[in-house]
Amino acid sequence: MKFKYALTSLALSVAILSSVPSTAFAIGGASGAKVDYQVQGKIGEVVMNPYDIAPLTAVIRNGGYQLRDVHVRIVPKENGQEI
């Protein structure tokens, strides 16, 4: 009887402990990469060249904010020309 109780306790312990590592990595790690986007200002996410065919294209996702009276300025590189 004591052996059966010990075996049941061992099986229950193994079952509980085997589920802990899989839940601990749910944020990022063994279950997959953690994906975070950098917030650029207060407008959400800016995706540069979203279609990989037009390097001067950007998509601005509002990130839950309401954008009003928006101005976009393209800042050139050194010795470049403003568009």
PDB file of N, CA and C in Angstrom:
ATOM      1  N   MET A   1       0.817  -1.193   0.000  1.00  0.00           N
ATOM      2  CA  MET A   1       0.000   0.000   0.000  1.00  0.00           C
ATOM      3  C   MET A   1       0.865   1.263   0.000  1.00  0.00           C
ATOM      4  N   LYS A   2       1.955   1.218   0.791  1.00  0.00           N
ATOM      5  CA  LYS A   2       2.839   2.368   0.863  1.00  0.00           C
ATOM      6  C   LYS A   2       3.533   2.607  -0.486  1.00  0.00           C
ATOM      7  N   PHE A   3       3.885   1.527  -1.175  1.00  0.00           N
ATOM      8  CA  PHE A   3       4.529   1.635  -2.482  1.00  0.00           C
ATOM      9  C   PHE A   3       3.573   2.265  -3.497  1.00  0.00           C
ATOM     10  N   LYS A   4       2.316   1.879  -3.466  1.00  0.00           N
ATOM     11  CA  LYS A   4       1.322   2.412  -4.389  1.00  0.00           C
ATOM     12  C   LYS A   4       1.117   3.915  -4.141  1.00  0.00           C
ATOM     13  N   TYR A   5       1.087   4.320  -2.877  1.00  0.00           N
ATOM     14  CA  TYR A   5       0.945   5.734  -2.521  1.00  0.00           C
ATOM     15  C   TYR A   5       2.154   6.541  -3.010  1.00  0.00           C
ATOM     16  N   ALA A   6       3.345   5.988  -2.848  1.00  0.00           N
ATOM     17  CA  ALA A   6       4.570   6.667  -3.285  1.00  0.00           C
ATOM     18  C   ALA A   6       4.603   6.785  -4.804  1.00  0.00           C
ATOM     19  N   LEU A   7       4.176   5.735  -5.498  1.00  0.00           N
ATOM     20  CA  LEU A   7       4.157   5.752  -6.961  1.00  0.00           C
ATOM     21  C   LEU A   7       3.148   6.773  -7.479  1.00  0.00           C
ATOM     22  N   THR A   8       1.993   6.861  -6.849  1.00  0.00           N
ATOM     23  CA  THR A   8       0.979   7.840  -7.239  1.00  0.00           C
ATOM     24  C   THR A   8       1.476   9.260  -6.993  1.00  0.00           C
ATOM     25  N   SER A   9       2.120   9.479  -5.867  1.00  0.00           N
ATOM     26  CA  SER A   9       2.667  10.801  -5.553  1.00  0.00           C
ATOM     27  C   SER A   9       3.753  11.194  -6.548  1.00  0.00           C
ATOM     28  N   LEU A  10       4.596  10.250  -6.914  1.00  0.00           N
ATOM     29  CA  LEU A  10       5.660  10.510  -7.881  1.00  0.00           C
ATOM     30  C   LEU A  10       5.074  10.854  -9.244  1.00  0.00           C
ATOM     31  N   ALA A  11       4.078  10.099  -9.689  1.00  0.00           N
ATOM     32  CA  ALA A  11       3.457  10.360 -10.986  1.00  0.00           C
ATOM     33  C   ALA A  11       2.785  11.729 -11.006  1.00  0.00           C
ATOM     34  N   LEU A  12       2.120  12.087  -9.929  1.00  0.00           N
ATOM     35  CA  LEU A  12       1.474  13.393  -9.842  1.00  0.00           C
ATOM     36  C   LEU A  12       2.508  14.520  -9.839  1.00  0.00           C
ATOM     37  N   SER A  13       3.604  14.335  -9.134  1.00  0.00           N
ATOM     38  CA  SER A  13       4.668  15.345  -9.093  1.00  0.00           C
ATOM     39  C   SER A  13       5.289  15.549 -10.464  1.00  0.00           C
ATOM     40  N   VAL A  14       5.546  14.460 -11.168  1.00  0.00           N
ATOM     41  CA  VAL A  14       6.130  14.548 -12.513  1.00  0.00           C
ATOM     42  C   VAL A  14       5.174  15.257 -13.457  1.00  0.00           C
ATOM     43  N   ALA A  15       3.888  14.962 -13.366  1.00  0.00           N
ATOM     44  CA  ALA A  15       2.908  15.606 -14.237  1.00  0.00           C
ATOM     45  C   ALA A  15       2.840  17.109 -13.986  1.00  0.00           C
ATOM     46  N   ILE A  16       2.873  17.509 -12.736  1.00  0.00           N
ATOM     47  CA  ILE A  16       2.803  18.938 -12.409  1.00  0.00           C
ATOM     48  C   ILE A  16       4.083  19.651 -12.829  1.00  0.00           C
ATOM     49  N   LEU A  17       5.228  19.062 -12.523  1.00  0.00           N
ATOM     50  CA  LEU A  17       6.500  19.711 -12.844  1.00  0.00           C
ATOM     51  C   LEU A  17       6.794  19.734 -14.340  1.00  0.00           C
ATOM     52  N   SER A  18       6.255  18.799 -15.102  1.00  0.00           N
ATOM     53  CA  SER A  18       6.503  18.804 -16.544  1.00  0.00           C
ATOM     54  C   SER A  18       5.718  19.900 -17.244  1.00  0.00           C
ATOM     55  N   SER A  19       4.649  20.389 -16.641  1.00  0.00           N
ATOM     56  CA  SER A  19       3.873  21.459 -17.267  1.00  0.00           C
ATOM     57  C   SER A  19       4.434  22.840 -16.948  1.00  0.00           C
ATOM     58  N   VAL A  20       5.257  22.985 -15.931  1.00  0.00           N
ATOM     59  CA  VAL A  20       5.787  24.288 -15.525  1.00  0.00           C
ATOM     60  C   VAL A  20       6.697  24.903 -16.586  1.00  0.00           C
ATOM     61  N   PRO A  21       7.682  24.194 -17.161  1.00  0.00           N
ATOM     62  CA  PRO A  21       8.560  24.845 -18.137  1.00  0.00           C
ATOM     63  C   PRO A  21       7.830  25.342 -19.376  1.00  0.00           C
ATOM     64  N   SER A  22       6.814  24.636 -19.835  1.00  0.00           N
ATOM     65  CA  SER A  22       6.123  25.076 -21.040  1.00  0.00           C
ATOM     66  C   SER A  22       5.327  26.350 -20.791  1.00  0.00           C
ATOM     67  N   THR A  23       4.807  26.550 -19.613  1.00  0.00           N
ATOM     68  CA  THR A  23       4.089  27.790 -19.328  1.00  0.00           C
ATOM     69  C   THR A  23       5.043  28.928 -19.019  1.00  0.00           C
ATOM     70  N   ALA A  24       6.214  28.637 -18.526  1.00  0.00           N
ATOM     71  CA  ALA A  24       7.170  29.684 -18.190  1.00  0.00           C
ATOM     72  C   ALA A  24       7.744  30.343 -19.437  1.00  0.00           C
ATOM     73  N   PHE A  25       7.799  29.644 -20.567  1.00  0.00           N
ATOM     74  CA  PHE A  25       8.364  30.184 -21.794  1.00  0.00           C
ATOM     75  C   PHE A  25       7.310  30.777 -22.718  1.00  0.00           C
ATOM     76  N   ALA A  26       6.092  30.957 -22.264  1.00  0.00           N
ATOM     77  CA  ALA A  26       5.031  31.439 -23.137  1.00  0.00           C
ATOM     78  C   ALA A  26       5.258  32.875 -23.599  1.00  0.00           C
ATOM     79  N   ILE A  27       6.001  33.688 -22.849  1.00  0.00           N
ATOM     80  CA  ILE A  27       6.226  35.079 -23.225  1.00  0.00           C
ATOM     81  C   ILE A  27       7.226  35.180 -24.377  1.00  0.00           C
ATOM     82  N   GLY A  28       8.168  34.324 -24.436  1.00  0.00           N
ATOM     83  CA  GLY A  28       9.185  34.340 -25.473  1.00  0.00           C
ATOM     84  C   GLY A  28      10.305  33.439 -25.028  1.00  0.00           C
ATOM     85  N   GLY A  29      10.835  32.692 -25.920  1.00  0.00           N
ATOM     86  CA  GLY A  29      11.869  31.737 -25.548  1.00  0.00           C
ATOM     87  C   GLY A  29      11.677  30.477 -26.355  1.00  0.00           C
ATOM     88  N   ALA A  30      11.538  29.380 -25.675  1.00  0.00           N
ATOM     89  CA  ALA A  30      11.436  28.102 -26.366  1.00  0.00           C
ATOM     90  C   ALA A  30      10.173  27.999 -27.211  1.00  0.00           C
ATOM     91  N   SER A  31       9.105  28.694 -26.841  1.00  0.00           N
ATOM     92  CA  SER A  31       7.864  28.599 -27.598  1.00  0.00           C
ATOM     93  C   SER A  31       7.860  29.508 -28.815  1.00  0.00           C
ATOM     94  N   GLY A  32       8.791  30.421 -28.927  1.00  0.00           N
ATOM     95  CA  GLY A  32       8.853  31.315 -30.070  1.00  0.00           C
ATOM     96  C   GLY A  32       9.493  32.631 -29.689  1.00  0.00           C
ATOM     97  N   ALA A  33       9.781  33.391 -30.695  1.00  0.00           N
ATOM     98  CA  ALA A  33      10.452  34.672 -30.465  1.00  0.00           C
ATOM     99  C   ALA A  33       9.485  35.693 -29.884  1.00  0.00           C
ATOM    100  N   LYS A  34       9.989  36.539 -29.021  1.00  0.00           N
ATOM    101  CA  LYS A  34       9.187  37.625 -28.469  1.00  0.00           C
ATOM    102  C   LYS A  34       9.216  38.765 -29.479  1.00  0.00           C
ATOM    103  N   VAL A  35       8.064  39.206 -29.913  1.00  0.00           N
ATOM    104  CA  VAL A  35       7.974  40.238 -30.936  1.00  0.00           C
ATOM    105  C   VAL A  35       7.412  41.502 -30.305  1.00  0.00           C
ATOM    106  N   ASP A  36       8.197  42.545 -30.294  1.00  0.00           N
ATOM    107  CA  ASP A  36       7.761  43.852 -29.814  1.00  0.00           C
ATOM    108  C   ASP A  36       8.126  44.887 -30.865  1.00  0.00           C
ATOM    109  N   TYR A  37       7.236  45.826 -31.083  1.00  0.00           N
ATOM    110  CA  TYR A  37       7.512  46.918 -31.999  1.00  0.00           C
ATOM    111  C   TYR A  37       7.877  48.151 -31.192  1.00  0.00           C
ATOM    112  N   GLN A  38       8.854  48.885 -31.663  1.00  0.00           N
ATOM    113  CA  GLN A  38       9.242  50.107 -30.980  1.00  0.00           C
ATOM    114  C   GLN A  38       8.206  51.179 -31.264  1.00  0.00           C
ATOM    115  N   VAL A  39       7.792  51.859 -30.231  1.00  0.00           N
ATOM    116  CA  VAL A  39       6.850  52.953 -30.392  1.00  0.00           C
ATOM    117  C   VAL A  39       7.644  54.186 -30.778  1.00  0.00           C
ATOM    118  N   GLN A  40       7.302  54.771 -31.920  1.00  0.00           N
ATOM    119  CA  GLN A  40       8.017  55.935 -32.416  1.00  0.00           C
ATOM    120  C   GLN A  40       7.134  57.151 -32.197  1.00  0.00           C
ATOM    121  N   GLY A  41       7.398  57.876 -31.154  1.00  0.00           N
ATOM    122  CA  GLY A  41       6.555  59.018 -30.822  1.00  0.00           C
ATOM    123  C   GLY A  41       5.237  58.535 -30.250  1.00  0.00           C
ATOM    124  N   LYS A  42       4.167  59.212 -30.585  1.00  0.00           N
ATOM    125  CA  LYS A  42       2.851  58.822 -30.087  1.00  0.00           C
ATOM    126  C   LYS A  42       1.925  58.500 -31.246  1.00  0.00           C
ATOM    127  N   ILE A  43       2.442  57.880 -32.296  1.00  0.00           N
ATOM    128  CA  ILE A  43       1.576  57.565 -33.426  1.00  0.00           C
ATOM    129  C   ILE A  43       1.463  56.074 -33.676  1.00  0.00           C
ATOM    130  N   GLY A  44       2.100  55.255 -32.911  1.00  0.00           N
ATOM    131  CA  GLY A  44       2.022  53.819 -33.144  1.00  0.00           C
ATOM    132  C   GLY A  44       3.263  53.310 -33.842  1.00  0.00           C
ATOM    133  N   GLU A  45       3.072  52.521 -34.874  1.00  0.00           N
ATOM    134  CA  GLU A  45       4.182  51.858 -35.549  1.00  0.00           C
ATOM    135  C   GLU A  45       4.357  52.435 -36.946  1.00  0.00           C
ATOM    136  N   VAL A  46       5.594  52.666 -37.346  1.00  0.00           N
ATOM    137  CA  VAL A  46       5.907  53.104 -38.697  1.00  0.00           C
ATOM    138  C   VAL A  46       6.617  51.951 -39.386  1.00  0.00           C
ATOM    139  N   VAL A  47       6.030  51.439 -40.464  1.00  0.00           N
ATOM    140  CA  VAL A  47       6.604  50.319 -41.206  1.00  0.00           C
ATOM    141  C   VAL A  47       7.236  50.881 -42.465  1.00  0.00           C
ATOM    142  N   MET A  48       8.550  50.814 -42.528  1.00  0.00           N
ATOM    143  CA  MET A  48       9.268  51.315 -43.696  1.00  0.00           C
ATOM    144  C   MET A  48       9.330  50.236 -44.765  1.00  0.00           C
ATOM    145  N   ASN A  49       9.088  50.608 -46.014  1.00  0.00           N
ATOM    146  CA  ASN A  49       9.145  49.704 -47.162  1.00  0.00           C
ATOM    147  C   ASN A  49       8.341  48.423 -46.893  1.00  0.00           C
ATOM    148  N   PRO A  50       7.033  48.546 -46.650  1.00  0.00           N
ATOM    149  CA  PRO A  50       6.245  47.384 -46.228  1.00  0.00           C
ATOM    150  C   PRO A  50       6.112  46.299 -47.286  1.00  0.00           C
ATOM    151  N   TYR A  51       6.242  46.645 -48.554  1.00  0.00           N
ATOM    152  CA  TYR A  51       6.047  45.652 -49.607  1.00  0.00           C
ATOM    153  C   TYR A  51       7.356  45.192 -50.239  1.00  0.00           C
ATOM    154  N   ASP A  52       8.483  45.685 -49.727  1.00  0.00           N
ATOM    155  CA  ASP A  52       9.827  45.331 -50.215  1.00  0.00           C
ATOM    156  C   ASP A  52      10.043  45.664 -51.685  1.00  0.00           C
ATOM    157  N   ILE A  53       9.295  46.635 -52.211  1.00  0.00           N
ATOM    158  CA  ILE A  53       9.513  47.032 -53.602  1.00  0.00           C
ATOM    159  C   ILE A  53       9.674  48.545 -53.751  1.00  0.00           C
ATOM    160  N   ALA A  54       9.296  49.302 -52.742  1.00  0.00           N
ATOM    161  CA  ALA A  54       9.364  50.754 -52.825  1.00  0.00           C
ATOM    162  C   ALA A  54      10.012  51.300 -51.555  1.00  0.00           C
ATOM    163  N   PRO A  55      11.316  51.573 -51.593  1.00  0.00           N
ATOM    164  CA  PRO A  55      12.014  51.985 -50.371  1.00  0.00           C
ATOM    165  C   PRO A  55      11.557  53.331 -49.805  1.00  0.00           C
ATOM    166  N   LEU A  56      10.875  54.156 -50.582  1.00  0.00           N
ATOM    167  CA  LEU A  56      10.397  55.438 -50.072  1.00  0.00           C
ATOM    168  C   LEU A  56       8.955  55.361 -49.580  1.00  0.00           C
ATOM    169  N   THR A  57       8.456  54.152 -49.377  1.00  0.00           N
ATOM    170  CA  THR A  57       7.085  53.952 -48.909  1.00  0.00           C
ATOM    171  C   THR A  57       7.097  53.639 -47.424  1.00  0.00           C
ATOM    172  N   ALA A  58       6.145  54.204 -46.714  1.00  0.00           N
ATOM    173  CA  ALA A  58       5.991  53.902 -45.290  1.00  0.00           C
ATOM    174  C   ALA A  58       4.505  53.812 -44.971  1.00  0.00           C
ATOM    175  N   VAL A  59       4.163  52.896 -44.096  1.00  0.00           N
ATOM    176  CA  VAL A  59       2.798  52.760 -43.604  1.00  0.00           C
ATOM    177  C   VAL A  59       2.828  53.128 -42.128  1.00  0.00           C
ATOM    178  N   ILE A  60       1.957  54.048 -41.741  1.00  0.00           N
ATOM    179  CA  ILE A  60       1.885  54.476 -40.347  1.00  0.00           C
ATOM    180  C   ILE A  60       0.634  53.873 -39.740  1.00  0.00           C
ATOM    181  N   ARG A  61       0.824  53.007 -38.755  1.00  0.00           N
ATOM    182  CA  ARG A  61      -0.307  52.430 -38.035  1.00  0.00           C
ATOM    183  C   ARG A  61      -0.579  53.316 -36.831  1.00  0.00           C
ATOM    184  N   ASN A  62      -1.828  53.645 -36.618  1.00  0.00           N
ATOM    185  CA  ASN A  62      -2.149  54.662 -35.610  1.00  0.00           C
ATOM    186  C   ASN A  62      -2.011  54.178 -34.181  1.00  0.00           C
ATOM    187  N   GLY A  63      -1.915  52.905 -33.931  1.00  0.00           N
ATOM    188  CA  GLY A  63      -1.686  52.397 -32.582  1.00  0.00           C
ATOM    189  C   GLY A  63      -2.789  52.744 -31.600  1.00  0.00           C
ATOM    190  N   GLY A  64      -4.003  52.945 -32.085  1.00  0.00           N
ATOM    191  CA  GLY A  64      -5.109  53.262 -31.196  1.00  0.00           C
ATOM    192  C   GLY A  64      -5.319  54.750 -30.982  1.00  0.00           C
ATOM    193  N   TYR A  65      -4.416  55.570 -31.508  1.00  0.00           N
ATOM    194  CA  TYR A  65      -4.554  57.016 -31.368  1.00  0.00           C
ATOM    195  C   TYR A  65      -5.358  57.566 -32.539  1.00  0.00           C
ATOM    196  N   GLN A  66      -5.973  58.713 -32.363  1.00  0.00           N
ATOM    197  CA  GLN A  66      -6.627  59.405 -33.468  1.00  0.00           C
ATOM    198  C   GLN A  66      -5.658  60.460 -33.978  1.00  0.00           C
ATOM    199  N   LEU A  67      -5.261  60.329 -35.234  1.00  0.00           N
ATOM    200  CA  LEU A  67      -4.297  61.256 -35.816  1.00  0.00           C
ATOM    201  C   LEU A  67      -5.052  62.385 -36.504  1.00  0.00           C
ATOM    202  N   ARG A  68      -4.717  63.626 -36.152  1.00  0.00           N
ATOM    203  CA  ARG A  68      -5.346  64.796 -36.757  1.00  0.00           C
ATOM    204  C   ARG A  68      -4.265  65.808 -37.093  1.00  0.00           C
ATOM    205  N   ASP A  69      -4.495  66.539 -38.171  1.00  0.00           N
ATOM    206  CA  ASP A  69      -3.585  67.604 -38.588  1.00  0.00           C
ATOM    207  C   ASP A  69      -2.145  67.083 -38.654  1.00  0.00           C
ATOM    208  N   VAL A  70      -1.948  66.057 -39.472  1.00  0.00           N
ATOM    209  CA  VAL A  70      -0.664  65.364 -39.556  1.00  0.00           C
ATOM    210  C   VAL A  70       0.162  65.930 -40.706  1.00  0.00           C
ATOM    211  N   HIS A  71       1.439  66.141 -40.450  1.00  0.00           N
ATOM    212  CA  HIS A  71       2.386  66.564 -41.481  1.00  0.00           C
ATOM    213  C   HIS A  71       3.503  65.533 -41.540  1.00  0.00           C
ATOM    214  N   VAL A  72       3.912  65.182 -42.756  1.00  0.00           N
ATOM    215  CA  VAL A  72       4.994  64.215 -42.941  1.00  0.00           C
ATOM    216  C   VAL A  72       6.149  64.931 -43.625  1.00  0.00           C
ATOM    217  N   ARG A  73       7.337  64.759 -43.079  1.00  0.00           N
ATOM    218  CA  ARG A  73       8.527  65.381 -43.656  1.00  0.00           C
ATOM    219  C   ARG A  73       9.579  64.300 -43.831  1.00  0.00           C
ATOM    220  N   ILE A  74      10.124  64.211 -45.025  1.00  0.00           N
ATOM    221  CA  ILE A  74      11.188  63.257 -45.320  1.00  0.00           C
ATOM    222  C   ILE A  74      12.513  63.976 -45.099  1.00  0.00           C
ATOM    223  N   VAL A  75      13.299  63.507 -44.159  1.00  0.00           N
ATOM    224  CA  VAL A  75      14.587  64.122 -43.853  1.00  0.00           C
ATOM    225  C   VAL A  75      15.658  63.377 -44.643  1.00  0.00           C
ATOM    226  N   PRO A  76      16.406  64.084 -45.496  1.00  0.00           N
ATOM    227  CA  PRO A  76      17.401  63.411 -46.332  1.00  0.00           C
ATOM    228  C   PRO A  76      18.660  63.037 -45.556  1.00  0.00           C
ATOM    229  N   LYS A  77      19.424  62.165 -46.177  1.00  0.00           N
ATOM    230  CA  LYS A  77      20.730  61.837 -45.617  1.00  0.00           C
ATOM    231  C   LYS A  77      21.673  63.013 -45.847  1.00  0.00           C
ATOM    232  N   GLU A  78      22.890  62.882 -45.375  1.00  0.00           N
ATOM    233  CA  GLU A  78      23.889  63.929 -45.538  1.00  0.00           C
ATOM    234  C   GLU A  78      24.108  64.208 -47.027  1.00  0.00           C
ATOM    235  N   ASN A  79      24.129  65.488 -47.411  1.00  0.00           N
ATOM    236  CA  ASN A  79      24.276  65.946 -48.799  1.00  0.00           C
ATOM    237  C   ASN A  79      23.115  65.496 -49.679  1.00  0.00           C
ATOM    238  N   GLY A  80      22.001  65.158 -49.074  1.00  0.00           N
ATOM    239  CA  GLY A  80      20.828  64.742 -49.843  1.00  0.00           C
ATOM    240  C   GLY A  80      19.890  65.905 -50.083  1.00  0.00           C
ATOM    241  N   GLN A  81      18.791  65.625 -50.750  1.00  0.00           N
ATOM    242  CA  GLN A  81      17.832  66.645 -51.117  1.00  0.00           C
ATOM    243  C   GLN A  81      16.497  66.344 -50.443  1.00  0.00           C
ATOM    244  N   GLU A  82      15.866  67.361 -49.884  1.00  0.00           N
ATOM    245  CA  GLU A  82      14.579  67.157 -49.227  1.00  0.00           C
ATOM    246  C   GLU A  82      13.492  66.981 -50.277  1.00  0.00           C
ATOM    247  N   ILE A  83      12.627  66.044 -50.028  1.00  0.00           N
ATOM    248  CA  ILE A  83      11.554  65.738 -50.991  1.00  0.00           C
ATOM    249  C   ILE A  83      10.333  66.563 -50.638  1.00  0.00           C
TER     250      ILE A  83
END
